[in-house]
Structure formats: C-alpha cells, structure tokens
Amino acid sequence: MEVTLLGTGAPEGLPRPDCPCAACAAARGGRARAATALLVDGALLLDLTPGAALAAARAGHSLTGVRQVLLTHPHDGPALELPPGLPAAGRVPDGRELTLISGHRVRAVPMDSPGTGYEVTSPEGLRLLYLPPGGAPAGVTGPERPYDLVVADVVGRPDGLARLRAAGGVGPATDVVAAHLDHDVPSPREVDRRLAAAGARAVPDGTTLVVGEYHAVPDVPRRTLVTGGARSGKSLEAERRLEAFPEVVYVATGGTREGDTEWTARVTAHRDRRPGSWRTEETCELAPLLRAEGPPLLIDCLSLWLTDAMDRVGAWDDATWAATGERELRERVAELVAAVRGTARTVVAVTNEVGAGIVPGDAGSRRFRDELGRLNAAFADECEHVLLVVAGQALALRG
C-alpha cells in the first residue's frame, strides 16, 4: 500500500493566512504545509483540500483513478470545488465499513471530538489508521495487531497516541507520522524533537510512504535528564516527553507542606496539567521504583530528593557532616545512580541548575549547591538524553 501525503498541515495550512506569529513567519518554502490530505494507492482520497489535484501532480500522481473521497472533519470555510471526475465527497457513519472496487476496506472509527477516523486495510492486509485534526479515538478496543501506519494529530492530541499504545494499536514497528501540523510549535526543529520523543516523525508535503516497508522508527531515549533554572519550563518539557505514553507514574519528591498555601498551589498546577491516566506517587525512595518493572517514570525532582537525603544524614550540621553525613550521602547517591544505570524502565527526571548564580553565604547552602552539581553530573552520565531548558526552550546537551 502506498500513501501519499498531499498535505500535512492544519486545516488552514501553515503558515496560517495573515498570522504574524513566529512559527508562521518561519514556515516558508519547504517548511510550508498545505492542509492534510492522503491519497491511498491512487484509489482513495482521505480529505478533500484546495489544490488537491495540483498537489497530487507535484507528487507524481493523478486523481483520475480515485474511486472514493472521504472526509474526516467538518469544513468551515468556503465550499470546496470538486476536481473533475472525482466522486462526491462524504463521511461514513461510525462503525460502518466500505469495500472499494480496488479491494480496500475502509472502517469509520468513532472520535472523541467532531470528526471521523478511518481504518484502511489494503488487499494485501496492510493497515492504515488516519485520524482528523484535534481528534483521538473514542473507546479504543485492542485491534488484532498493531497498525502498520498511523497518521494523526500527534502534536495536538498526544493522548490519542497514548490510548492507541495502551490498546495495542501502536507497537514498536508502527510508523507514526504527524499530520495537521499547526503553528502551536515554534520551529520545525522543535517539531521534530517533540515528535521523536513520542516515537513519531514528520514528513514534507508530497511524500509517498510505502506501508510495511522497513524504515528507521524514531528511537525514544530510555533515560532522560531535564535540567534548568527556576520557572524555565523544565517540568513542562519533562511531561511533554511522556504525554504520548500510557500509564506513566509521576514520582513527586516534594511531598506535602502543612500550612504552605503557595506550595499547595504549585502542586495543584502540576497535577491539573498532567493526563488523567497518570498515577502519582509521593516518595523519595527512588531506587526501589527504578529497580522494579513497570510503566515509565517521571521523577520531579532530584533537587528535592537531595534535600530529603541531606536531611536524613544530618548534612546541615558541620560536625555531623564531617563525621558521618558526607559518607552516608555518597552511599545514598551511589545507590540512586546504580539504580538508574540498571533500570529497564523509561525514565524522565527533572533537576535544577543552582550553581550559576551568587555563591551562597552559608556553609549549608554551599554544600547543597555542590552536592546537587555532583548528583546532576552522575545522573546525566547514565542518561542517553540530557536537556537544558532556558526560557522555555529545550537545548539538547546529549542525544
């Protein structure tokens, strides 16, 4: 089965008409994207967009062999002109299945928002799932096997990809291609980085994909460290790296603080933006979690873990630190680093950069600054991917 992406952009395209934002300003030339439409084996057109016939011709194809035109979402703009010779465009009721004269079978997949997804099976048994903009499957049930190709709004609805993974619709060999790309991500480089973290990729308009053909699936790093200063966006970046995966365990090392309303507000804000399917554990016992089998871990954060560890060994008292505290802290850090090295789980950990400012005025604060720097370096050594977040922008230091 051959699938040609005549466009890969949002319904208004990229750049959006008359939009002054930075993403639209950069979407010129080869970075521009027309509204998403798919041509399947020259026989099935999924979504009718302006200039579809010209887009097909630029990609080396023709629409003359199209036997069915199906729409996935309501079209709010002016009426589209149907290219000569094409059958009338329509939508299939949820759950209904069509068999085309070409031998393709098309089943309508219910969405959790206005629109229809389509599962297309080729005469050879290869399977494509195409989802509308802003849509995710509703009530996903496990398919017989993973799809060979999924084309979906990965940036806008990463939770939809998580649902498909949980149901077995997306497996390690599934080619996940992002469509309906809009201006909500600031640059093409950032798009590629976010998609790679989700195990997906973007392709230029006009690309023809041979479904079932071997290709390099994006390699999702198993261990990632995200560092940065206060309010840099590091926690949000860490959450983005796992939002396309189901059953994430969010490990909060800060605990609760009685009577601290500001801390409660911070915790609530973090909790509210996390997917409802994630589970939260409030603990500083990280090594047992890392050694156990289970779903991905998001650890937020190592700075608070270190504060707890230094509390336990009496590191704030100079005499205790010299007598036993330093040795006990080294042992605790070594246990954590060894657990990271040996873990089989996907891990994303957040930490802070505190050594770039004014030298603290007391010994305890200087001790914490130094120990956190050592911990960050040791933890980063065990990670395939290390990110520094500055002003909301993620810079790859490794991976």
Protein backbone atom coordinates (compact mmCIF):
# COMPACT_ATOMS: atom_id res chain seq x y z
CA MET A 1 0.00 0.00 0.00
CA GLU A 2 1.29 3.43 -0.99
CA VAL A 3 0.12 6.51 0.91
CA THR A 4 0.93 9.95 -0.50
CA LEU A 5 0.53 12.87 1.88
CA LEU A 6 -0.68 15.66 -0.40
CA GLY A 7 -0.54 17.98 2.62
CA THR A 8 0.47 17.63 6.26
CA GLY A 9 -0.71 20.91 7.78
CA ALA A 10 -3.68 22.10 9.83
CA PRO A 11 -6.99 22.81 8.05
CA GLU A 12 -5.90 26.45 7.48
CA GLY A 13 -2.44 25.36 6.37
CA LEU A 14 0.93 26.50 7.67
CA PRO A 15 1.56 29.40 7.65
CA ARG A 16 -1.93 30.49 8.53
CA PRO A 17 -3.25 33.34 6.38
CA ASP A 18 -2.36 36.76 7.82
CA CYS A 19 -0.88 35.26 11.03
CA PRO A 20 2.12 37.24 12.38
CA CYS A 21 3.38 34.60 14.85
CA ALA A 22 6.99 33.37 14.81
CA ALA A 23 6.06 29.85 13.68
CA CYS A 24 4.10 31.15 10.68
CA ALA A 25 6.89 33.59 9.82
CA ALA A 26 9.35 30.68 9.64
CA ALA A 27 7.01 28.39 7.64
CA ARG A 28 8.19 29.40 4.19
CA GLY A 29 9.38 27.43 1.17
CA GLY A 30 9.89 23.78 2.04
CA ARG A 31 8.65 24.41 5.56
CA ALA A 32 5.17 25.42 4.38
CA ARG A 33 2.43 22.81 4.71
CA ALA A 34 -0.92 22.56 2.96
CA ALA A 35 -3.99 21.15 4.73
CA THR A 36 -3.63 17.42 5.33
CA ALA A 37 -4.97 15.02 2.70
CA LEU A 38 -4.00 11.41 1.92
CA LEU A 39 -4.05 9.58 -1.40
CA VAL A 40 -4.10 5.80 -0.85
CA ASP A 41 -2.94 3.63 -3.78
CA GLY A 42 -4.37 6.21 -6.18
CA ALA A 43 -7.85 4.86 -5.39
CA LEU A 44 -8.92 6.51 -2.12
CA LEU A 45 -8.68 10.19 -1.19
CA LEU A 46 -8.96 10.98 2.51
CA ASP A 47 -9.95 14.64 2.96
CA LEU A 48 -10.54 16.98 0.06
CA THR A 49 -8.43 20.12 0.26
CA PRO A 50 -7.91 23.12 -2.04
CA GLY A 51 -5.45 22.31 -4.81
CA ALA A 52 -5.60 18.54 -4.26
CA ALA A 53 -5.19 17.76 -7.98
CA LEU A 54 -2.18 20.06 -8.29
CA ALA A 55 -0.63 18.66 -5.11
CA ALA A 56 -1.03 15.12 -6.48
CA ALA A 57 0.59 16.15 -9.77
CA ARG A 58 3.55 17.70 -7.94
CA ALA A 59 3.99 14.40 -6.09
CA GLY A 60 3.93 12.46 -9.38
CA HIS A 61 0.39 11.11 -9.03
CA SER A 62 -3.02 11.67 -10.54
CA LEU A 63 -6.53 11.70 -9.05
CA THR A 64 -8.10 10.12 -12.13
CA GLY A 65 -8.15 6.68 -10.52
CA VAL A 66 -9.82 7.79 -7.27
CA ARG A 67 -12.96 5.78 -6.58
CA GLN A 68 -13.88 7.20 -3.15
CA VAL A 69 -13.44 10.56 -1.43
CA LEU A 70 -13.97 10.55 2.35
CA LEU A 71 -13.92 13.49 4.75
CA THR A 72 -12.73 13.27 8.36
CA HIS A 73 -13.88 16.59 9.81
CA PRO A 74 -16.35 19.45 9.22
CA HIS A 75 -15.19 22.02 6.71
CA ASP A 76 -15.96 25.53 7.98
CA GLY A 77 -14.55 27.55 5.10
CA PRO A 78 -15.98 28.26 1.64
CA ALA A 79 -17.29 25.34 -0.38
CA LEU A 80 -14.52 23.29 -1.95
CA GLU A 81 -14.52 22.74 -5.67
CA LEU A 82 -14.57 19.05 -6.55
CA PRO A 83 -11.93 18.28 -9.21
CA PRO A 84 -13.49 16.96 -12.44
CA GLY A 85 -14.03 13.22 -12.50
CA LEU A 86 -13.92 12.70 -8.74
CA PRO A 87 -16.87 11.10 -6.92
CA ALA A 88 -18.78 13.24 -4.43
CA ALA A 89 -17.08 13.58 -1.04
CA GLY A 90 -18.80 12.19 2.05
CA ARG A 91 -18.36 10.73 5.51
CA VAL A 92 -19.04 7.20 6.69
CA PRO A 93 -21.16 6.67 9.83
CA ASP A 94 -19.18 5.49 12.85
CA GLY A 95 -18.56 1.76 12.85
CA ARG A 96 -19.67 1.26 9.22
CA GLU A 97 -17.36 -0.43 6.73
CA LEU A 98 -16.97 0.13 2.98
CA THR A 99 -15.36 -2.19 0.45
CA LEU A 100 -13.99 -0.36 -2.56
CA ILE A 101 -13.77 -1.77 -6.06
CA SER A 102 -10.00 -1.58 -5.64
CA GLY A 103 -10.22 -4.16 -2.85
CA HIS A 104 -9.53 -1.75 0.03
CA ARG A 105 -11.72 -2.00 3.12
CA VAL A 106 -12.47 1.22 5.00
CA ARG A 107 -13.98 1.30 8.51
CA ALA A 108 -15.12 4.50 10.22
CA VAL A 109 -13.59 4.93 13.69
CA PRO A 110 -15.52 7.00 16.29
CA MET A 111 -13.74 10.06 17.66
CA ASP A 112 -13.98 11.89 20.99
CA SER A 113 -14.49 15.18 19.11
CA PRO A 114 -16.35 16.17 15.93
CA GLY A 115 -14.91 14.12 13.10
CA THR A 116 -14.34 10.60 11.84
CA GLY A 117 -11.23 8.46 11.72
CA TYR A 118 -10.66 5.85 9.06
CA GLU A 119 -9.05 2.44 9.30
CA VAL A 120 -7.95 1.35 5.83
CA THR A 121 -6.96 -2.24 5.05
CA SER A 122 -5.26 -2.94 1.72
CA PRO A 123 -5.98 -6.07 -0.38
CA GLU A 124 -2.67 -7.44 0.98
CA GLY A 125 -3.77 -6.91 4.59
CA LEU A 126 -1.65 -3.85 5.43
CA ARG A 127 -3.41 -1.44 7.79
CA LEU A 128 -3.51 2.35 7.99
CA LEU A 129 -5.23 4.47 10.64
CA TYR A 130 -5.91 8.12 9.77
CA LEU A 131 -7.33 10.48 12.39
CA PRO A 132 -8.80 14.00 11.98
CA PRO A 133 -7.30 17.21 13.40
CA GLY A 134 -7.76 17.55 17.15
CA GLY A 135 -9.25 14.07 17.36
CA ALA A 136 -8.45 10.93 19.31
CA PRO A 137 -10.21 7.54 19.13
CA ALA A 138 -13.17 7.14 21.48
CA GLY A 139 -13.47 3.88 23.38
CA VAL A 140 -10.42 2.26 21.82
CA THR A 141 -10.51 -1.53 21.84
CA GLY A 142 -7.50 -3.64 21.08
CA PRO A 143 -7.08 -4.42 17.36
CA GLU A 144 -5.93 -7.83 16.22
CA ARG A 145 -2.43 -6.45 15.76
CA PRO A 146 -0.74 -3.03 15.67
CA TYR A 147 -1.37 -0.79 12.69
CA ASP A 148 1.39 -0.60 10.11
CA LEU A 149 0.96 3.18 9.69
CA VAL A 150 -0.79 5.78 11.85
CA VAL A 151 -1.27 9.33 10.56
CA ALA A 152 -2.63 11.56 13.31
CA ASP A 153 -2.51 14.89 15.12
CA VAL A 154 0.39 13.84 17.36
CA VAL A 155 1.32 17.37 18.46
CA GLY A 156 -2.25 18.45 19.24
CA ARG A 157 -3.50 15.18 20.73
CA PRO A 158 -0.59 13.15 22.13
CA ASP A 159 -3.08 11.49 24.49
CA GLY A 160 -4.69 9.88 21.44
CA LEU A 161 -1.38 8.20 20.65
CA ALA A 162 -1.16 7.10 24.29
CA ARG A 163 -4.61 5.49 24.01
CA LEU A 164 -3.57 3.61 20.88
CA ARG A 165 -0.41 2.37 22.58
CA ALA A 166 -2.40 1.20 25.60
CA ALA A 167 -4.82 -0.70 23.36
CA GLY A 168 -2.10 -2.31 21.26
CA GLY A 169 -2.86 -0.28 18.13
CA VAL A 170 0.64 1.21 18.08
CA GLY A 171 3.58 -1.13 18.54
CA PRO A 172 7.37 -0.81 18.27
CA ALA A 173 7.29 -1.23 14.47
CA THR A 174 4.33 1.10 13.78
CA ASP A 175 5.25 4.08 11.62
CA VAL A 176 3.63 7.08 13.34
CA VAL A 177 3.50 10.17 11.11
CA ALA A 178 2.30 13.54 12.37
CA ALA A 179 -0.34 15.42 10.37
CA HIS A 180 -2.48 18.55 10.82
CA LEU A 181 0.66 20.42 11.94
CA ASP A 182 -0.20 23.94 13.07
CA HIS A 183 1.61 27.00 14.40
CA ASP A 184 1.48 25.96 18.07
CA VAL A 185 5.10 24.71 17.96
CA PRO A 186 7.66 27.47 17.41
CA SER A 187 10.02 25.88 14.87
CA PRO A 188 10.42 22.86 12.57
CA ARG A 189 13.39 21.75 14.67
CA GLU A 190 11.24 21.80 17.80
CA VAL A 191 8.51 19.85 15.98
CA ASP A 192 11.00 17.13 15.05
CA ARG A 193 12.35 16.98 18.62
CA ARG A 194 8.92 16.67 20.23
CA LEU A 195 7.79 14.07 17.71
CA ALA A 196 10.93 11.99 18.19
CA ALA A 197 10.24 11.94 21.94
CA ALA A 198 6.79 10.50 21.13
CA GLY A 199 8.18 7.90 18.72
CA ALA A 200 6.76 9.76 15.72
CA ARG A 201 8.04 11.78 12.77
CA ALA A 202 7.02 14.47 10.32
CA VAL A 203 7.46 14.30 6.54
CA PRO A 204 7.27 17.02 3.87
CA ASP A 205 4.15 17.54 1.77
CA GLY A 206 4.14 15.25 -1.25
CA THR A 207 5.92 12.37 0.49
CA THR A 208 4.87 8.87 -0.57
CA LEU A 209 5.10 6.22 2.14
CA VAL A 210 5.26 2.54 1.26
CA VAL A 211 3.32 0.93 4.11
CA GLY A 212 5.02 -2.14 5.51
CA GLU A 213 8.41 -1.16 4.08
CA TYR A 214 11.26 -1.11 6.61
CA HIS A 215 12.18 2.30 7.93
CA ALA A 216 14.02 3.61 10.93
CA VAL A 217 11.50 4.09 13.74
CA PRO A 218 12.45 7.08 15.95
CA ASP A 219 14.48 5.81 18.89
CA VAL A 220 12.83 7.01 22.12
CA PRO A 221 15.53 7.59 24.77
CA ARG A 222 15.06 5.28 27.74
CA ARG A 223 16.63 7.65 30.28
CA THR A 224 16.39 11.44 30.05
CA LEU A 225 17.53 14.18 32.42
CA VAL A 226 15.90 17.63 32.08
CA THR A 227 17.69 20.46 33.87
CA GLY A 228 17.23 24.21 34.04
CA GLY A 229 16.64 27.16 36.31
CA ALA A 230 13.53 28.17 38.24
CA ARG A 231 10.42 28.63 36.06
CA SER A 232 12.41 27.74 32.95
CA GLY A 233 9.77 25.27 31.76
CA LYS A 234 11.74 22.14 32.63
CA SER A 235 8.82 20.30 34.31
CA LEU A 236 6.54 21.02 31.35
CA GLU A 237 9.24 19.77 28.99
CA ALA A 238 9.58 16.55 31.01
CA GLU A 239 5.82 16.00 30.93
CA ARG A 240 5.74 16.53 27.15
CA ARG A 241 8.27 13.74 26.70
CA LEU A 242 5.85 11.17 28.15
CA GLU A 243 2.40 12.53 27.23
CA ALA A 244 2.15 10.13 24.27
CA PHE A 245 2.64 7.10 26.53
CA PRO A 246 0.04 5.44 28.79
CA GLU A 247 0.20 4.60 32.49
CA VAL A 248 3.01 6.95 33.45
CA VAL A 249 3.96 7.02 37.13
CA TYR A 250 4.63 10.58 38.28
CA VAL A 251 7.04 10.49 41.23
CA ALA A 252 6.71 13.66 43.33
CA THR A 253 9.66 14.00 45.68
CA GLY A 254 8.45 17.23 47.32
CA GLY A 255 5.72 15.72 49.47
CA THR A 256 3.19 17.94 51.24
CA ARG A 257 3.84 21.02 53.40
CA GLU A 258 1.27 21.78 56.03
CA GLY A 259 0.13 25.40 56.02
CA ASP A 260 2.13 26.40 52.92
CA THR A 261 -0.58 27.63 50.54
CA GLU A 262 1.92 28.70 47.86
CA TRP A 263 3.42 25.20 47.74
CA THR A 264 -0.07 23.68 47.57
CA ALA A 265 -0.89 25.94 44.60
CA ARG A 266 2.28 24.80 42.82
CA VAL A 267 1.47 21.12 43.36
CA THR A 268 -2.12 21.63 42.20
CA ALA A 269 -1.00 23.39 39.00
CA HIS A 270 1.35 20.50 38.18
CA ARG A 271 -1.33 17.91 38.90
CA ASP A 272 -4.00 19.66 36.82
CA ARG A 273 -1.94 19.71 33.64
CA ARG A 274 -1.00 16.02 33.82
CA PRO A 275 -3.06 13.44 31.89
CA GLY A 276 -5.76 11.79 33.98
CA SER A 277 -4.36 8.33 33.21
CA TRP A 278 -1.10 9.09 35.07
CA ARG A 279 -0.62 7.81 38.59
CA THR A 280 1.16 9.86 41.27
CA GLU A 281 3.46 8.54 43.97
CA GLU A 282 4.82 10.90 46.63
CA THR A 283 8.10 9.38 47.76
CA CYS A 284 11.84 9.90 47.88
CA GLU A 285 12.52 6.15 47.73
CA LEU A 286 13.57 6.23 44.07
CA ALA A 287 15.92 3.25 43.91
CA PRO A 288 13.21 0.60 44.55
CA LEU A 289 10.99 2.17 41.87
CA LEU A 290 13.84 2.17 39.36
CA ARG A 291 14.69 -1.46 40.10
CA ALA A 292 11.07 -2.63 39.72
CA GLU A 293 9.39 -3.36 36.40
CA GLY A 294 6.58 -1.11 35.29
CA PRO A 295 5.46 1.80 33.13
CA PRO A 296 7.55 4.95 32.52
CA LEU A 297 8.61 7.07 35.49
CA LEU A 298 8.64 10.87 35.61
CA ILE A 299 10.71 12.00 38.59
CA ASP A 300 10.17 15.60 39.67
CA CYS A 301 12.62 16.45 41.01
CA LEU A 302 16.17 15.42 42.02
CA SER A 303 16.75 18.69 43.88
CA LEU A 304 14.01 17.89 46.40
CA TRP A 305 15.24 14.29 46.58
CA LEU A 306 18.68 15.61 47.53
CA THR A 307 17.17 17.93 50.15
CA ASP A 308 15.47 14.92 51.76
CA ALA A 309 18.67 12.85 51.54
CA MET A 310 20.71 15.60 53.20
CA ASP A 311 18.07 15.95 55.93
CA ARG A 312 18.34 12.22 56.67
CA VAL A 313 22.13 12.24 57.06
CA GLY A 314 22.30 15.48 59.06
CA ALA A 315 24.22 17.27 56.33
CA TRP A 316 23.31 20.74 57.54
CA ASP A 317 25.36 20.38 60.74
CA ASP A 318 29.08 20.80 60.07
CA ALA A 319 30.18 18.32 62.73
CA THR A 320 27.71 15.62 61.66
CA TRP A 321 28.63 16.17 58.03
CA ALA A 322 32.33 15.69 58.75
CA ALA A 323 31.78 12.65 61.00
CA THR A 324 29.20 10.57 59.10
CA GLY A 325 26.98 12.74 56.86
CA GLU A 326 29.23 13.04 53.82
CA ARG A 327 29.92 9.30 53.67
CA GLU A 328 26.24 8.39 54.11
CA LEU A 329 25.15 10.85 51.43
CA ARG A 330 27.72 9.46 48.98
CA GLU A 331 26.35 5.96 49.62
CA ARG A 332 22.76 7.11 49.05
CA VAL A 333 23.66 8.92 45.81
CA ALA A 334 25.66 5.91 44.60
CA GLU A 335 22.62 3.67 45.22
CA LEU A 336 20.43 6.00 43.14
CA VAL A 337 22.93 6.23 40.28
CA ALA A 338 23.35 2.44 40.20
CA ALA A 339 19.56 2.03 40.05
CA VAL A 340 19.39 4.43 37.10
CA ARG A 341 22.17 2.54 35.35
CA GLY A 342 20.41 -0.80 35.77
CA THR A 343 16.79 0.21 35.27
CA ALA A 344 14.72 -1.35 32.48
CA ARG A 345 12.06 1.36 32.73
CA THR A 346 11.72 4.52 30.67
CA VAL A 347 12.73 7.38 32.98
CA VAL A 348 12.49 11.15 32.66
CA ALA A 349 13.95 13.05 35.62
CA VAL A 350 13.85 16.77 36.39
CA THR A 351 16.52 18.65 38.27
CA ASN A 352 17.66 22.23 38.91
CA GLU A 353 20.73 24.21 37.94
CA VAL A 354 21.69 26.20 41.03
CA GLY A 355 25.42 26.76 40.54
CA ALA A 356 25.32 29.63 38.06
CA GLY A 357 24.35 32.39 40.46
CA ILE A 358 25.76 34.12 43.53
CA VAL A 359 27.85 31.97 45.87
CA PRO A 360 25.64 31.24 48.93
CA GLY A 361 26.60 32.99 52.15
CA ASP A 362 26.44 29.98 54.49
CA ALA A 363 28.13 26.59 54.56
CA GLY A 364 24.94 24.53 54.39
CA SER A 365 23.70 26.26 51.24
CA ARG A 366 27.11 25.98 49.59
CA ARG A 367 27.15 22.28 50.50
CA PHE A 368 23.75 21.77 48.85
CA ARG A 369 24.86 23.62 45.71
CA ASP A 370 27.98 21.48 45.41
CA GLU A 371 26.20 18.18 46.09
CA LEU A 372 23.46 18.93 43.59
CA GLY A 373 26.06 19.67 40.93
CA ARG A 374 27.73 16.31 41.64
CA LEU A 375 24.40 14.48 41.62
CA ASN A 376 23.34 16.06 38.32
CA ALA A 377 26.64 15.11 36.68
CA ALA A 378 26.47 11.50 37.92
CA PHE A 379 22.81 11.10 36.92
CA ALA A 380 23.43 12.66 33.48
CA ASP A 381 26.25 10.18 32.84
CA GLU A 382 23.67 7.36 32.96
CA CYS A 383 21.20 9.03 30.58
CA GLU A 384 21.01 8.72 26.81
CA HIS A 385 19.41 12.16 26.56
CA VAL A 386 20.16 15.33 28.56
CA LEU A 387 18.26 18.59 28.01
CA LEU A 388 18.88 22.10 29.30
CA VAL A 389 15.75 24.27 29.35
CA VAL A 390 16.24 28.05 29.15
CA ALA A 391 13.32 30.49 28.78
CA GLY A 392 11.07 27.62 27.76
CA GLN A 393 13.46 26.47 25.00
CA ALA A 394 14.97 23.00 25.27
CA LEU A 395 18.59 22.59 24.23
CA ALA A 396 19.92 19.08 23.71
CA LEU A 397 23.20 18.55 25.57
CA ARG A 398 23.28 14.84 24.77
CA GLY A 399 21.25 12.66 22.43
